[in-house]
Protein backbone atom coordinates (compact mmCIF):
# COMPACT_ATOMS: atom_id res chain seq x y z
CA MET A 1 -12.12 -16.92 -1.54
CA LYS A 2 -8.50 -15.82 -1.60
CA ARG A 3 -7.78 -13.08 0.86
CA VAL A 4 -4.40 -11.38 0.34
CA THR A 5 -2.59 -12.21 -2.91
CA GLY A 6 0.57 -10.12 -2.46
CA VAL A 7 2.08 -6.84 -1.30
CA GLY A 8 0.95 -3.86 -3.33
CA GLY A 9 2.84 -1.16 -1.49
CA ILE A 10 4.90 -0.06 1.47
CA PHE A 11 4.40 3.44 2.80
CA PHE A 12 6.19 5.10 5.68
CA LYS A 13 6.66 8.51 7.24
CA ALA A 14 9.88 10.43 7.75
CA LYS A 15 10.85 13.47 9.82
CA ASP A 16 12.72 14.82 6.78
CA ALA A 17 11.19 13.12 3.73
CA PRO A 18 13.30 14.92 1.08
CA ALA A 19 16.55 13.97 2.86
CA LEU A 20 15.39 10.36 3.20
CA HIS A 21 14.39 10.28 -0.48
CA ALA A 22 17.90 11.45 -1.37
CA TRP A 23 19.51 8.82 0.90
CA TYR A 24 17.55 5.95 -0.65
CA LYS A 25 18.27 7.26 -4.13
CA GLN A 26 22.02 7.68 -3.52
CA HIS A 27 22.77 4.63 -1.39
CA LEU A 28 20.22 2.03 -2.50
CA GLY A 29 19.61 3.20 -6.05
CA ILE A 30 15.84 3.56 -5.64
CA ASP A 31 14.52 5.88 -8.35
CA VAL A 32 12.49 8.14 -6.04
CA GLN A 33 10.10 10.24 -8.14
CA THR A 34 8.85 13.76 -7.34
CA TRP A 35 5.72 12.31 -5.67
CA GLY A 36 7.96 10.70 -3.02
CA GLY A 37 8.22 7.10 -4.13
CA THR A 38 8.65 4.63 -6.93
CA ALA A 39 6.77 1.79 -8.56
CA PHE A 40 8.70 -1.47 -8.77
CA SER A 41 7.50 -3.40 -11.82
CA TRP A 42 7.13 -7.13 -11.40
CA SER A 43 9.09 -9.49 -13.60
CA ASP A 44 9.60 -13.22 -13.98
CA SER A 45 12.87 -15.08 -13.34
CA GLU A 46 14.12 -14.01 -16.77
CA GLY A 47 13.41 -10.32 -16.13
CA LYS A 48 10.36 -10.12 -18.38
CA PRO A 49 7.45 -7.95 -17.12
CA VAL A 50 4.51 -9.91 -15.71
CA GLY A 51 1.94 -7.14 -15.20
CA GLY A 52 2.09 -5.86 -11.65
CA THR A 53 3.78 -3.28 -9.46
CA THR A 54 4.66 -2.69 -5.85
CA ILE A 55 4.63 0.93 -4.70
CA TRP A 56 7.24 2.20 -2.24
CA SER A 57 6.77 5.68 -0.80
CA ILE A 58 8.03 7.99 1.95
CA GLY A 59 5.78 10.81 3.16
CA SER A 60 5.91 13.55 5.76
CA HIS A 61 5.59 12.55 9.40
CA GLU A 62 2.95 15.29 9.70
CA SER A 63 0.61 13.53 7.27
CA ASP A 64 -2.58 12.00 8.67
CA THR A 65 -2.79 9.43 5.84
CA PHE A 66 -2.33 6.54 8.28
CA ALA A 67 -4.93 7.82 10.79
CA PRO A 68 -6.41 6.57 12.99
CA SER A 69 -3.17 4.59 13.40
CA SER A 70 -0.20 6.33 15.00
CA ALA A 71 2.24 3.91 13.33
CA PRO A 72 4.86 5.45 11.02
CA PHE A 73 4.09 2.90 8.27
CA MET A 74 1.27 1.27 6.35
CA ILE A 75 1.34 -1.86 4.21
CA ASN A 76 -0.90 -2.17 1.15
CA TYR A 77 -1.99 -5.72 0.33
CA ARG A 78 -3.35 -6.82 -3.06
CA VAL A 79 -6.68 -8.64 -3.05
CA ASP A 80 -8.87 -10.16 -5.78
CA ASP A 81 -12.32 -9.28 -4.39
CA LEU A 82 -12.24 -6.18 -2.20
CA HIS A 83 -15.95 -5.94 -1.49
CA GLY A 84 -16.18 -9.65 -0.67
CA LEU A 85 -13.20 -9.49 1.69
CA VAL A 86 -14.49 -6.35 3.43
CA LYS A 87 -17.84 -8.08 4.02
CA LEU A 88 -16.08 -11.16 5.40
CA LEU A 89 -13.80 -9.12 7.68
CA LYS A 90 -16.80 -7.25 9.09
CA GLU A 91 -18.59 -10.56 9.73
CA GLU A 92 -15.48 -11.77 11.57
CA GLY A 93 -15.60 -8.70 13.85
CA CYS A 94 -12.59 -6.88 12.40
CA ASN A 95 -12.28 -3.10 12.70
CA VAL A 96 -12.94 -2.19 9.06
CA LEU A 97 -13.09 1.51 8.20
CA GLU A 98 -16.33 2.41 6.44
CA LYS A 99 -14.76 4.28 3.53
CA ILE A 100 -14.09 2.43 0.26
CA ASP A 101 -12.37 4.37 -2.55
CA GLU A 102 -12.81 3.43 -6.19
CA SER A 103 -10.75 5.15 -8.89
CA GLU A 104 -8.74 4.46 -12.02
CA TYR A 105 -6.06 3.07 -9.66
CA GLY A 106 -8.40 0.38 -8.35
CA LYS A 107 -10.48 -0.17 -5.23
CA PHE A 108 -9.16 0.59 -1.73
CA ALA A 109 -10.39 -0.21 1.78
CA TRP A 110 -8.76 -0.18 5.21
CA VAL A 111 -8.80 -2.35 8.31
CA ILE A 112 -7.15 -1.75 11.68
CA ASP A 113 -5.18 -4.71 13.02
CA PRO A 114 -5.21 -5.71 16.74
CA GLU A 115 -2.05 -3.59 17.36
CA GLY A 116 -3.75 -0.46 15.95
CA ASN A 117 -1.93 -0.46 12.58
CA LYS A 118 -3.89 0.72 9.55
CA VAL A 119 -3.74 -1.88 6.76
CA GLU A 120 -4.68 -0.94 3.21
CA LEU A 121 -6.45 -3.47 0.98
CA TRP A 122 -6.23 -2.89 -2.76
CA GLN A 123 -7.97 -4.52 -5.67
CA PRO A 124 -5.99 -3.37 -8.72
CA PRO A 125 -7.73 -2.56 -11.99
CA LEU A 126 -8.08 -5.48 -14.40
CA GLY A 127 -4.76 -6.34 -16.06
CA GLN A 128 -2.57 -5.12 -13.23
């Protein structure tokens, strides 16, 4: 079974999220949307869309989204079989959080790495 197939998103906290959004928009040209991030569409070497996105987002440092981790960031990794990988990680003794979310955005689960960082695992909906 494949485990991680790519990066689905990068999320980090900021002391002043609106100011940081503006900085990234002005200086790096990232089209930060009102929800605090952007979705980078994947393309091939010729610039043609290939059916995938990577989310980039900045949130408030006061958010508890990354709990129980105290890290100011979280990486989201794409996977093909979320339930299978979660089962395997538990068998291997990894600290897998019990909650699994399933929505129109796909399936999500979380594992804590040995340094205490929360890692998000995401199985996108079919076709993404």
